[in-house]
Amino acid sequence: MLTNLMDSVQATIFAVKRYALHDGPNIRTTVFLKGCPLSCFWCHNPEGINPGLELVSNRERCIGCGECVAACPAGALQLTAKGIQRDKGLCQECFACVPLCPALVHEATGRRVGIAELLSEISKDLAFFDQSGGGVTFSGGEPLAQPAALLALLRGCAELGIHRVVDTSGFAATATVLEVAGHTDLFLYDLKHMNDNIHRRYTGVSNQLILHNLLELSTAGAAIRVRIPLIAGLNDDPENIQATADFIADCPGIQGVDLLPYHSSAKAKYRKLCRDFPAQETTAPARERLDAAMAILRRTREDITIGG
């Protein structure tokens, strides 16, 4: 059955990161799957939101040779004083410009890869996993948005004896979440805000399914670490932290909570994608806010960390 899945299913990924330190226990290899149903305004991986392949341009690299302009079948590229410009309305994303550019201005974000090929790539780190006690983390985007590919990868990792982590927003059909739980050693589960209206405003979706799935997973006996991306003025207030603490106190099996202070490292990614960065003015929480959040959470549990 697994062989059939490997033959028929592909995963769309946008990165494979080795020696990851913040994606689960010990040192890991993280596979980033493309596609996410949320649109968090602070998203650190905007290249992972669109489920399809995308073109990005590093205009500052342009040397003015004009090769890509001549080759573009849609006439979507223009050479200007500021470097190459792409008309997104005309661009057909045929990727003809990518291999032609000697300065590597144009890049394809994402690639489609067979399950067997990806497992072969992961298995190169088997000796390292054995020594470090690490494993593989499937992140995104949202890995649950590609359930067939994710399940095939999880099963393949089980056959290789690799520890498996799924880093998720929890926004997926409950049946899918529970099926994935049967092949996952640990979930890293995001809780962004407990107020549904605020959650909708800043992520584009309700938090009701996310909270329901967390309770279902924990009741089913899944191993879970809750992660809270902490953002100044959005979710670092005592009321939201207390509501979060109260909710997870009712979820059996939570192994710990990771507070993840916001950082603005994604700005360059938005520039490459020719998108505005919605969180341009957003800042990390003040130290006193971080300490206050820690203190509130520690009223009900001790296993709180900063970072993950």
C-alpha atoms as a PDB file:
ATOM      1  CA  MET A   1       0.000   0.000   0.000  1.00  0.00           C
ATOM      2  CA  LEU A   2       2.806   2.418   0.892  1.00  0.00           C
ATOM      3  CA  THR A   3       4.617   1.596  -2.337  1.00  0.00           C
ATOM      4  CA  ASN A   4       1.460   2.456  -4.279  1.00  0.00           C
ATOM      5  CA  LEU A   5       1.203   5.792  -2.458  1.00  0.00           C
ATOM      6  CA  MET A   6       4.826   6.580  -3.201  1.00  0.00           C
ATOM      7  CA  ASP A   7       4.207   5.901  -6.864  1.00  0.00           C
ATOM      8  CA  SER A   8       1.028   7.979  -7.137  1.00  0.00           C
ATOM      9  CA  VAL A   9       1.396  10.896  -4.691  1.00  0.00           C
ATOM     10  CA  GLN A  10       3.598  13.958  -4.936  1.00  0.00           C
ATOM     11  CA  ALA A  11       4.294  16.615  -2.336  1.00  0.00           C
ATOM     12  CA  THR A  12       4.626  20.294  -3.163  1.00  0.00           C
ATOM     13  CA  ILE A  13       7.362  21.708  -0.950  1.00  0.00           C
ATOM     14  CA  PHE A  14       9.241  24.987  -0.807  1.00  0.00           C
ATOM     15  CA  ALA A  15      12.222  24.094   1.363  1.00  0.00           C
ATOM     16  CA  VAL A  16      14.090  21.349   3.185  1.00  0.00           C
ATOM     17  CA  LYS A  17      16.046  22.699   6.145  1.00  0.00           C
ATOM     18  CA  ARG A  18      18.697  20.547   7.777  1.00  0.00           C
ATOM     19  CA  TYR A  19      20.067  20.969  11.309  1.00  0.00           C
ATOM     20  CA  ALA A  20      16.940  22.834  12.456  1.00  0.00           C
ATOM     21  CA  LEU A  21      17.075  23.785  16.137  1.00  0.00           C
ATOM     22  CA  HIS A  22      13.584  25.177  16.758  1.00  0.00           C
ATOM     23  CA  ASP A  23      11.268  22.709  15.028  1.00  0.00           C
ATOM     24  CA  GLY A  24      10.909  20.035  17.677  1.00  0.00           C
ATOM     25  CA  PRO A  25      13.142  18.043  20.027  1.00  0.00           C
ATOM     26  CA  ASN A  26      16.859  17.906  19.315  1.00  0.00           C
ATOM     27  CA  ILE A  27      18.326  18.697  15.899  1.00  0.00           C
ATOM     28  CA  ARG A  28      16.013  17.968  12.987  1.00  0.00           C
ATOM     29  CA  THR A  29      15.419  18.072   9.265  1.00  0.00           C
ATOM     30  CA  THR A  30      12.369  20.205   8.481  1.00  0.00           C
ATOM     31  CA  VAL A  31      10.340  19.729   5.314  1.00  0.00           C
ATOM     32  CA  PHE A  32       8.180  22.740   4.428  1.00  0.00           C
ATOM     33  CA  LEU A  33       5.009  21.839   2.523  1.00  0.00           C
ATOM     34  CA  LYS A  34       3.330  24.470   0.387  1.00  0.00           C
ATOM     35  CA  GLY A  35      -0.219  25.746   0.848  1.00  0.00           C
ATOM     36  CA  CYS A  36      -1.961  27.234   3.880  1.00  0.00           C
ATOM     37  CA  PRO A  37      -5.654  28.055   4.494  1.00  0.00           C
ATOM     38  CA  LEU A  38      -4.695  30.845   6.918  1.00  0.00           C
ATOM     39  CA  SER A  39      -3.436  34.299   5.986  1.00  0.00           C
ATOM     40  CA  CYS A  40      -1.753  35.431   9.202  1.00  0.00           C
ATOM     41  CA  PHE A  41      -0.717  39.048   8.762  1.00  0.00           C
ATOM     42  CA  TRP A  42       2.669  38.379  10.436  1.00  0.00           C
ATOM     43  CA  CYS A  43       3.379  35.166   8.457  1.00  0.00           C
ATOM     44  CA  HIS A  44       7.093  34.295   8.429  1.00  0.00           C
ATOM     45  CA  ASN A  45       6.796  31.968   5.428  1.00  0.00           C
ATOM     46  CA  PRO A  46       4.691  33.873   2.875  1.00  0.00           C
ATOM     47  CA  GLU A  47       6.158  31.712   0.102  1.00  0.00           C
ATOM     48  CA  GLY A  48       4.322  28.784   1.707  1.00  0.00           C
ATOM     49  CA  ILE A  49       0.795  30.225   1.550  1.00  0.00           C
ATOM     50  CA  ASN A  50       0.032  29.646  -2.139  1.00  0.00           C
ATOM     51  CA  PRO A  51      -0.365  25.896  -2.782  1.00  0.00           C
ATOM     52  CA  GLY A  52       1.093  26.214  -6.271  1.00  0.00           C
ATOM     53  CA  LEU A  53       4.531  27.073  -7.597  1.00  0.00           C
ATOM     54  CA  GLU A  54       5.401  30.770  -7.747  1.00  0.00           C
ATOM     55  CA  LEU A  55       7.984  33.016  -9.352  1.00  0.00           C
ATOM     56  CA  VAL A  56       9.989  35.437  -7.231  1.00  0.00           C
ATOM     57  CA  SER A  57      12.540  37.997  -8.372  1.00  0.00           C
ATOM     58  CA  ASN A  58      15.653  39.366  -6.698  1.00  0.00           C
ATOM     59  CA  ARG A  59      15.724  42.612  -8.664  1.00  0.00           C
ATOM     60  CA  GLU A  60      18.864  43.902  -6.972  1.00  0.00           C
ATOM     61  CA  ARG A  61      20.808  41.082  -8.663  1.00  0.00           C
ATOM     62  CA  CYS A  62      19.877  42.202 -12.184  1.00  0.00           C
ATOM     63  CA  ILE A  63      22.887  42.940 -14.423  1.00  0.00           C
ATOM     64  CA  GLY A  64      20.796  44.329 -17.279  1.00  0.00           C
ATOM     65  CA  CYS A  65      21.538  41.659 -19.877  1.00  0.00           C
ATOM     66  CA  GLY A  66      17.906  41.482 -21.089  1.00  0.00           C
ATOM     67  CA  GLU A  67      17.992  37.713 -21.717  1.00  0.00           C
ATOM     68  CA  CYS A  68      14.801  37.104 -19.753  1.00  0.00           C
ATOM     69  CA  VAL A  69      12.975  40.018 -21.423  1.00  0.00           C
ATOM     70  CA  ALA A  70      13.649  38.561 -24.855  1.00  0.00           C
ATOM     71  CA  ALA A  71      12.643  35.055 -23.801  1.00  0.00           C
ATOM     72  CA  CYS A  72       9.387  35.858 -21.989  1.00  0.00           C
ATOM     73  CA  PRO A  73       6.539  34.609 -24.226  1.00  0.00           C
ATOM     74  CA  ALA A  74       3.969  36.836 -22.500  1.00  0.00           C
ATOM     75  CA  GLY A  75       5.991  40.061 -22.622  1.00  0.00           C
ATOM     76  CA  ALA A  76       5.642  40.349 -18.852  1.00  0.00           C
ATOM     77  CA  LEU A  77       9.216  41.480 -18.164  1.00  0.00           C
ATOM     78  CA  GLN A  78      10.651  44.950 -18.666  1.00  0.00           C
ATOM     79  CA  LEU A  79      14.166  46.236 -18.044  1.00  0.00           C
ATOM     80  CA  THR A  80      14.117  49.510 -16.113  1.00  0.00           C
ATOM     81  CA  ALA A  81      16.600  51.717 -14.303  1.00  0.00           C
ATOM     82  CA  LYS A  82      15.683  49.879 -11.094  1.00  0.00           C
ATOM     83  CA  GLY A  83      16.304  46.479 -12.635  1.00  0.00           C
ATOM     84  CA  ILE A  84      13.890  43.950 -14.028  1.00  0.00           C
ATOM     85  CA  GLN A  85      10.163  44.537 -13.504  1.00  0.00           C
ATOM     86  CA  ARG A  86       7.492  41.832 -13.799  1.00  0.00           C
ATOM     87  CA  ASP A  87       3.899  42.607 -14.783  1.00  0.00           C
ATOM     88  CA  LYS A  88       1.996  40.087 -12.680  1.00  0.00           C
ATOM     89  CA  GLY A  89      -1.112  40.623 -14.790  1.00  0.00           C
ATOM     90  CA  LEU A  90       0.716  39.397 -17.883  1.00  0.00           C
ATOM     91  CA  CYS A  91       2.982  36.778 -16.309  1.00  0.00           C
ATOM     92  CA  GLN A  92       1.866  33.229 -17.078  1.00  0.00           C
ATOM     93  CA  GLU A  93       4.326  31.700 -14.588  1.00  0.00           C
ATOM     94  CA  CYS A  94       5.783  29.487 -17.298  1.00  0.00           C
ATOM     95  CA  PHE A  95       9.205  29.709 -15.565  1.00  0.00           C
ATOM     96  CA  ALA A  96      10.991  30.223 -18.896  1.00  0.00           C
ATOM     97  CA  CYS A  97      13.009  33.060 -17.351  1.00  0.00           C
ATOM     98  CA  VAL A  98      14.387  30.994 -14.455  1.00  0.00           C
ATOM     99  CA  PRO A  99      17.112  28.947 -16.202  1.00  0.00           C
ATOM    100  CA  LEU A 100      18.106  31.782 -18.552  1.00  0.00           C
ATOM    101  CA  CYS A 101      19.229  34.398 -16.049  1.00  0.00           C
ATOM    102  CA  PRO A 102      23.007  34.327 -15.431  1.00  0.00           C
ATOM    103  CA  ALA A 103      22.561  36.439 -12.270  1.00  0.00           C
ATOM    104  CA  LEU A 104      19.854  34.164 -10.799  1.00  0.00           C
ATOM    105  CA  VAL A 105      17.377  37.028 -10.570  1.00  0.00           C
ATOM    106  CA  HIS A 106      14.376  34.754 -11.091  1.00  0.00           C
ATOM    107  CA  GLU A 107      13.594  31.857  -8.780  1.00  0.00           C
ATOM    108  CA  ALA A 108      10.869  29.237  -8.678  1.00  0.00           C
ATOM    109  CA  THR A 109       9.401  29.066  -5.189  1.00  0.00           C
ATOM    110  CA  GLY A 110       8.412  25.486  -4.567  1.00  0.00           C
ATOM    111  CA  ARG A 111       8.848  22.181  -6.320  1.00  0.00           C
ATOM    112  CA  ARG A 112       6.813  19.050  -6.785  1.00  0.00           C
ATOM    113  CA  VAL A 113       8.583  15.930  -5.612  1.00  0.00           C
ATOM    114  CA  GLY A 114       7.670  12.256  -5.418  1.00  0.00           C
ATOM    115  CA  ILE A 115       7.311  10.705  -1.975  1.00  0.00           C
ATOM    116  CA  ALA A 116      10.041   8.124  -2.609  1.00  0.00           C
ATOM    117  CA  GLU A 117      12.446  10.844  -3.781  1.00  0.00           C
ATOM    118  CA  LEU A 118      11.753  12.991  -0.735  1.00  0.00           C
ATOM    119  CA  LEU A 119      12.140  10.050   1.652  1.00  0.00           C
ATOM    120  CA  SER A 120      15.442   9.241  -0.029  1.00  0.00           C
ATOM    121  CA  GLU A 121      16.570  12.818   0.597  1.00  0.00           C
ATOM    122  CA  ILE A 122      15.477  12.609   4.245  1.00  0.00           C
ATOM    123  CA  SER A 123      17.151   9.232   4.763  1.00  0.00           C
ATOM    124  CA  LYS A 124      20.566  10.779   4.065  1.00  0.00           C
ATOM    125  CA  ASP A 125      20.362  12.121   7.624  1.00  0.00           C
ATOM    126  CA  LEU A 126      19.535   8.773   9.269  1.00  0.00           C
ATOM    127  CA  ALA A 127      22.926   8.409  10.941  1.00  0.00           C
ATOM    128  CA  PHE A 128      22.643  11.934  12.248  1.00  0.00           C
ATOM    129  CA  PHE A 129      19.148  11.266  13.648  1.00  0.00           C
ATOM    130  CA  ASP A 130      20.446   8.169  15.420  1.00  0.00           C
ATOM    131  CA  GLN A 131      23.256  10.124  17.077  1.00  0.00           C
ATOM    132  CA  SER A 132      21.284  13.232  18.057  1.00  0.00           C
ATOM    133  CA  GLY A 133      17.889  11.758  18.909  1.00  0.00           C
ATOM    134  CA  GLY A 134      16.281  14.106  16.401  1.00  0.00           C
ATOM    135  CA  GLY A 135      14.111  13.355  13.403  1.00  0.00           C
ATOM    136  CA  VAL A 136      11.921  14.959  10.756  1.00  0.00           C
ATOM    137  CA  THR A 137       9.472  17.831  11.177  1.00  0.00           C
ATOM    138  CA  PHE A 138       6.786  18.513   8.579  1.00  0.00           C
ATOM    139  CA  SER A 139       5.939  22.196   8.559  1.00  0.00           C
ATOM    140  CA  GLY A 140       4.705  24.760   6.081  1.00  0.00           C
ATOM    141  CA  GLY A 141       2.583  26.421   4.989  1.00  0.00           C
ATOM    142  CA  GLU A 142       0.208  23.953   6.534  1.00  0.00           C
ATOM    143  CA  PRO A 143       1.217  20.285   6.173  1.00  0.00           C
ATOM    144  CA  LEU A 144      -2.369  19.140   6.817  1.00  0.00           C
ATOM    145  CA  ALA A 145      -3.356  20.898   3.572  1.00  0.00           C
ATOM    146  CA  GLN A 146      -1.641  18.028   1.697  1.00  0.00           C
ATOM    147  CA  PRO A 147      -3.024  15.062   3.682  1.00  0.00           C
ATOM    148  CA  ALA A 148      -2.232  12.286   1.182  1.00  0.00           C
ATOM    149  CA  ALA A 149       1.367  13.402   0.786  1.00  0.00           C
ATOM    150  CA  LEU A 150       1.788  13.985   4.521  1.00  0.00           C
ATOM    151  CA  LEU A 151       0.434  10.556   5.441  1.00  0.00           C
ATOM    152  CA  ALA A 152       2.670   8.837   2.895  1.00  0.00           C
ATOM    153  CA  LEU A 153       5.695  10.702   4.247  1.00  0.00           C
ATOM    154  CA  LEU A 154       4.827   9.888   7.858  1.00  0.00           C
ATOM    155  CA  ARG A 155       4.383   6.196   7.047  1.00  0.00           C
ATOM    156  CA  GLY A 156       7.617   6.145   5.098  1.00  0.00           C
ATOM    157  CA  CYS A 157       9.469   7.750   8.004  1.00  0.00           C
ATOM    158  CA  ALA A 158       8.008   5.124  10.352  1.00  0.00           C
ATOM    159  CA  GLU A 159       9.449   2.368   8.159  1.00  0.00           C
ATOM    160  CA  LEU A 160      12.825   4.103   8.369  1.00  0.00           C
ATOM    161  CA  GLY A 161      12.568   4.439  12.159  1.00  0.00           C
ATOM    162  CA  ILE A 162      12.560   8.256  12.077  1.00  0.00           C
ATOM    163  CA  HIS A 163      10.897  10.338  14.813  1.00  0.00           C
ATOM    164  CA  ARG A 164       8.063  12.382  13.249  1.00  0.00           C
ATOM    165  CA  VAL A 165       6.800  15.847  14.193  1.00  0.00           C
ATOM    166  CA  VAL A 166       3.946  17.745  12.531  1.00  0.00           C
ATOM    167  CA  ASP A 167       3.994  21.537  12.973  1.00  0.00           C
ATOM    168  CA  THR A 168       0.419  22.717  12.378  1.00  0.00           C
ATOM    169  CA  SER A 169      -2.187  25.429  12.809  1.00  0.00           C
ATOM    170  CA  GLY A 170      -4.738  22.678  13.410  1.00  0.00           C
ATOM    171  CA  PHE A 171      -7.059  24.108  10.759  1.00  0.00           C
ATOM    172  CA  ALA A 172      -8.167  20.979   8.891  1.00  0.00           C
ATOM    173  CA  ALA A 173     -10.969  18.439   8.941  1.00  0.00           C
ATOM    174  CA  THR A 174     -11.045  16.675  12.302  1.00  0.00           C
ATOM    175  CA  ALA A 175     -11.004  13.261  10.612  1.00  0.00           C
ATOM    176  CA  THR A 176      -7.805  14.239   8.786  1.00  0.00           C
ATOM    177  CA  VAL A 177      -6.165  15.486  11.985  1.00  0.00           C
ATOM    178  CA  LEU A 178      -6.986  12.275  13.847  1.00  0.00           C
ATOM    179  CA  GLU A 179      -5.789  10.073  10.972  1.00  0.00           C
ATOM    180  CA  VAL A 180      -2.497  11.959  10.870  1.00  0.00           C
ATOM    181  CA  ALA A 181      -2.234  11.584  14.664  1.00  0.00           C
ATOM    182  CA  GLY A 182      -2.006   7.819  14.226  1.00  0.00           C
ATOM    183  CA  HIS A 183       1.284   8.284  12.360  1.00  0.00           C
ATOM    184  CA  THR A 184       2.796  11.217  14.287  1.00  0.00           C
ATOM    185  CA  ASP A 185       5.056  11.154  17.332  1.00  0.00           C
ATOM    186  CA  LEU A 186       4.565  14.795  18.316  1.00  0.00           C
ATOM    187  CA  PHE A 187       2.455  17.771  17.254  1.00  0.00           C
ATOM    188  CA  LEU A 188       3.654  21.366  17.468  1.00  0.00           C
ATOM    189  CA  TYR A 189       0.276  23.086  17.638  1.00  0.00           C
ATOM    190  CA  ASP A 190      -0.161  26.843  17.151  1.00  0.00           C
ATOM    191  CA  LEU A 191      -2.612  28.857  19.239  1.00  0.00           C
ATOM    192  CA  LYS A 192      -2.693  32.388  17.888  1.00  0.00           C
ATOM    193  CA  HIS A 193      -5.634  33.975  19.718  1.00  0.00           C
ATOM    194  CA  MET A 194      -8.526  32.796  21.876  1.00  0.00           C
ATOM    195  CA  ASN A 195     -10.952  35.520  20.757  1.00  0.00           C
ATOM    196  CA  ASP A 196     -12.661  34.304  17.597  1.00  0.00           C
ATOM    197  CA  ASN A 197     -13.298  37.765  16.139  1.00  0.00           C
ATOM    198  CA  ILE A 198      -9.666  38.827  16.593  1.00  0.00           C
ATOM    199  CA  HIS A 199      -8.494  35.489  15.239  1.00  0.00           C
ATOM    200  CA  ARG A 200     -10.599  35.983  12.104  1.00  0.00           C
ATOM    201  CA  ARG A 201      -9.320  39.533  11.645  1.00  0.00           C
ATOM    202  CA  TYR A 202      -5.641  38.608  11.746  1.00  0.00           C
ATOM    203  CA  THR A 203      -5.604  35.101  10.258  1.00  0.00           C
ATOM    204  CA  GLY A 204      -8.621  35.057   7.959  1.00  0.00           C
ATOM    205  CA  VAL A 205     -10.275  32.060   9.659  1.00  0.00           C
ATOM    206  CA  SER A 206     -12.233  31.223  12.800  1.00  0.00           C
ATOM    207  CA  ASN A 207     -10.423  29.579  15.702  1.00  0.00           C
ATOM    208  CA  GLN A 208     -13.322  27.237  16.532  1.00  0.00           C
ATOM    209  CA  LEU A 209     -12.123  24.291  14.424  1.00  0.00           C
ATOM    210  CA  ILE A 210      -8.564  24.814  15.687  1.00  0.00           C
ATOM    211  CA  LEU A 211      -9.643  24.669  19.331  1.00  0.00           C
ATOM    212  CA  HIS A 212     -11.948  21.707  18.671  1.00  0.00           C
ATOM    213  CA  ASN A 213      -9.159  19.767  16.976  1.00  0.00           C
ATOM    214  CA  LEU A 214      -6.724  20.482  19.794  1.00  0.00           C
ATOM    215  CA  LEU A 215      -9.178  19.100  22.323  1.00  0.00           C
ATOM    216  CA  GLU A 216      -9.881  16.072  20.111  1.00  0.00           C
ATOM    217  CA  LEU A 217      -6.173  15.364  19.630  1.00  0.00           C
ATOM    218  CA  SER A 218      -5.369  15.655  23.312  1.00  0.00           C
ATOM    219  CA  THR A 219      -8.316  13.482  24.288  1.00  0.00           C
ATOM    220  CA  ALA A 220      -7.163  10.862  21.768  1.00  0.00           C
ATOM    221  CA  GLY A 221      -3.795  10.683  23.527  1.00  0.00           C
ATOM    222  CA  ALA A 222      -1.642  12.537  21.013  1.00  0.00           C
ATOM    223  CA  ALA A 223       1.614  14.089  22.227  1.00  0.00           C
ATOM    224  CA  ILE A 224       1.376  17.861  21.776  1.00  0.00           C
ATOM    225  CA  ARG A 225       3.384  20.973  22.464  1.00  0.00           C
ATOM    226  CA  VAL A 226       1.333  24.153  22.181  1.00  0.00           C
ATOM    227  CA  ARG A 227       3.065  27.078  20.506  1.00  0.00           C
ATOM    228  CA  ILE A 228       2.016  30.694  20.993  1.00  0.00           C
ATOM    229  CA  PRO A 229       3.472  33.226  18.523  1.00  0.00           C
ATOM    230  CA  LEU A 230       3.616  36.265  20.808  1.00  0.00           C
ATOM    231  CA  ILE A 231       2.995  39.574  19.049  1.00  0.00           C
ATOM    232  CA  ALA A 232       2.980  42.971  20.718  1.00  0.00           C
ATOM    233  CA  GLY A 233      -0.472  44.540  20.899  1.00  0.00           C
ATOM    234  CA  LEU A 234      -2.179  41.537  19.322  1.00  0.00           C
ATOM    235  CA  ASN A 235      -2.122  38.566  21.680  1.00  0.00           C
ATOM    236  CA  ASP A 236       0.323  39.398  24.476  1.00  0.00           C
ATOM    237  CA  ASP A 237      -2.308  40.902  26.785  1.00  0.00           C
ATOM    238  CA  PRO A 238      -3.008  39.151  30.121  1.00  0.00           C
ATOM    239  CA  GLU A 239      -6.620  38.386  29.154  1.00  0.00           C
ATOM    240  CA  ASN A 240      -5.668  36.382  26.085  1.00  0.00           C
ATOM    241  CA  ILE A 241      -2.803  34.582  27.842  1.00  0.00           C
ATOM    242  CA  GLN A 242      -5.101  33.646  30.733  1.00  0.00           C
ATOM    243  CA  ALA A 243      -7.773  32.381  28.314  1.00  0.00           C
ATOM    244  CA  THR A 244      -5.110  30.291  26.573  1.00  0.00           C
ATOM    245  CA  ALA A 245      -3.867  28.891  29.864  1.00  0.00           C
ATOM    246  CA  ASP A 246      -7.418  28.002  30.919  1.00  0.00           C
ATOM    247  CA  PHE A 247      -8.137  26.214  27.652  1.00  0.00           C
ATOM    248  CA  ILE A 248      -5.011  24.093  27.546  1.00  0.00           C
ATOM    249  CA  ALA A 249      -5.452  23.212  31.221  1.00  0.00           C
ATOM    250  CA  ASP A 250      -8.507  21.234  30.088  1.00  0.00           C
ATOM    251  CA  CYS A 251      -6.543  19.398  27.365  1.00  0.00           C
ATOM    252  CA  PRO A 252      -4.918  16.187  28.641  1.00  0.00           C
ATOM    253  CA  GLY A 253      -1.582  15.221  27.159  1.00  0.00           C
ATOM    254  CA  ILE A 254      -0.167  18.686  26.497  1.00  0.00           C
ATOM    255  CA  GLN A 255       3.565  18.205  27.018  1.00  0.00           C
ATOM    256  CA  GLY A 256       4.513  21.863  27.220  1.00  0.00           C
ATOM    257  CA  VAL A 257       4.044  25.377  25.885  1.00  0.00           C
ATOM    258  CA  ASP A 258       6.487  27.349  23.735  1.00  0.00           C
ATOM    259  CA  LEU A 259       6.260  31.141  23.633  1.00  0.00           C
ATOM    260  CA  LEU A 260       7.598  32.374  20.292  1.00  0.00           C
ATOM    261  CA  PRO A 261       8.328  36.137  20.367  1.00  0.00           C
ATOM    262  CA  TYR A 262       7.630  37.821  17.042  1.00  0.00           C
ATOM    263  CA  HIS A 263      10.548  38.848  14.817  1.00  0.00           C
ATOM    264  CA  SER A 264      10.570  40.664  11.480  1.00  0.00           C
ATOM    265  CA  SER A 265      12.976  38.441   9.570  1.00  0.00           C
ATOM    266  CA  ALA A 266      10.401  37.777   6.828  1.00  0.00           C
ATOM    267  CA  LYS A 267      10.506  41.295   5.357  1.00  0.00           C
ATOM    268  CA  ALA A 268      12.974  40.269   2.647  1.00  0.00           C
ATOM    269  CA  LYS A 269      10.710  37.394   1.606  1.00  0.00           C
ATOM    270  CA  TYR A 270       7.795  39.777   0.978  1.00  0.00           C
ATOM    271  CA  ARG A 271      10.046  41.987  -1.148  1.00  0.00           C
ATOM    272  CA  LYS A 272      11.045  39.002  -3.287  1.00  0.00           C
ATOM    273  CA  LEU A 273       7.392  38.083  -3.726  1.00  0.00           C
ATOM    274  CA  CYS A 274       6.573  41.711  -4.634  1.00  0.00           C
ATOM    275  CA  ARG A 275       4.094  41.889  -1.763  1.00  0.00           C
ATOM    276  CA  ASP A 276       3.531  44.441   0.954  1.00  0.00           C
ATOM    277  CA  PHE A 277       4.483  43.244   4.424  1.00  0.00           C
ATOM    278  CA  PRO A 278       1.289  43.655   6.511  1.00  0.00           C
ATOM    279  CA  ALA A 279       3.210  43.524   9.808  1.00  0.00           C
ATOM    280  CA  GLN A 280       5.615  46.310   8.836  1.00  0.00           C
ATOM    281  CA  GLU A 281       5.037  48.218  12.083  1.00  0.00           C
ATOM    282  CA  THR A 282       4.677  45.156  14.294  1.00  0.00           C
ATOM    283  CA  THR A 283       7.190  44.609  17.074  1.00  0.00           C
ATOM    284  CA  ALA A 284       8.266  41.892  19.461  1.00  0.00           C
ATOM    285  CA  PRO A 285       6.576  41.964  22.865  1.00  0.00           C
ATOM    286  CA  ALA A 286       8.307  43.967  25.557  1.00  0.00           C
ATOM    287  CA  ARG A 287      10.270  41.954  28.099  1.00  0.00           C
ATOM    288  CA  GLU A 288       7.738  42.724  30.830  1.00  0.00           C
ATOM    289  CA  ARG A 289       4.929  41.375  28.632  1.00  0.00           C
ATOM    290  CA  LEU A 290       6.909  38.207  27.967  1.00  0.00           C
ATOM    291  CA  ASP A 291       7.609  37.771  31.678  1.00  0.00           C
ATOM    292  CA  ALA A 292       3.943  38.393  32.497  1.00  0.00           C
ATOM    293  CA  ALA A 293       2.842  35.762  29.964  1.00  0.00           C
ATOM    294  CA  MET A 294       5.282  33.274  31.467  1.00  0.00           C
ATOM    295  CA  ALA A 295       3.981  34.006  34.960  1.00  0.00           C
ATOM    296  CA  ILE A 296       0.341  33.497  33.935  1.00  0.00           C
ATOM    297  CA  LEU A 297       1.035  30.221  32.153  1.00  0.00           C
ATOM    298  CA  ARG A 298       3.104  28.936  35.067  1.00  0.00           C
ATOM    299  CA  ARG A 299       0.149  29.213  37.400  1.00  0.00           C
ATOM    300  CA  THR A 300      -1.166  26.013  35.820  1.00  0.00           C
ATOM    301  CA  ARG A 301       1.987  24.336  34.436  1.00  0.00           C
ATOM    302  CA  GLU A 302       5.767  24.483  34.718  1.00  0.00           C
ATOM    303  CA  ASP A 303       6.828  23.288  31.268  1.00  0.00           C
ATOM    304  CA  ILE A 304       6.986  26.706  29.569  1.00  0.00           C
ATOM    305  CA  THR A 305       9.850  27.697  27.274  1.00  0.00           C
ATOM    306  CA  ILE A 306      10.752  30.752  25.215  1.00  0.00           C
ATOM    307  CA  GLY A 307      11.437  29.583  21.686  1.00  0.00           C
ATOM    308  CA  GLY A 308      10.901  26.023  20.535  1.00  0.00           C
END
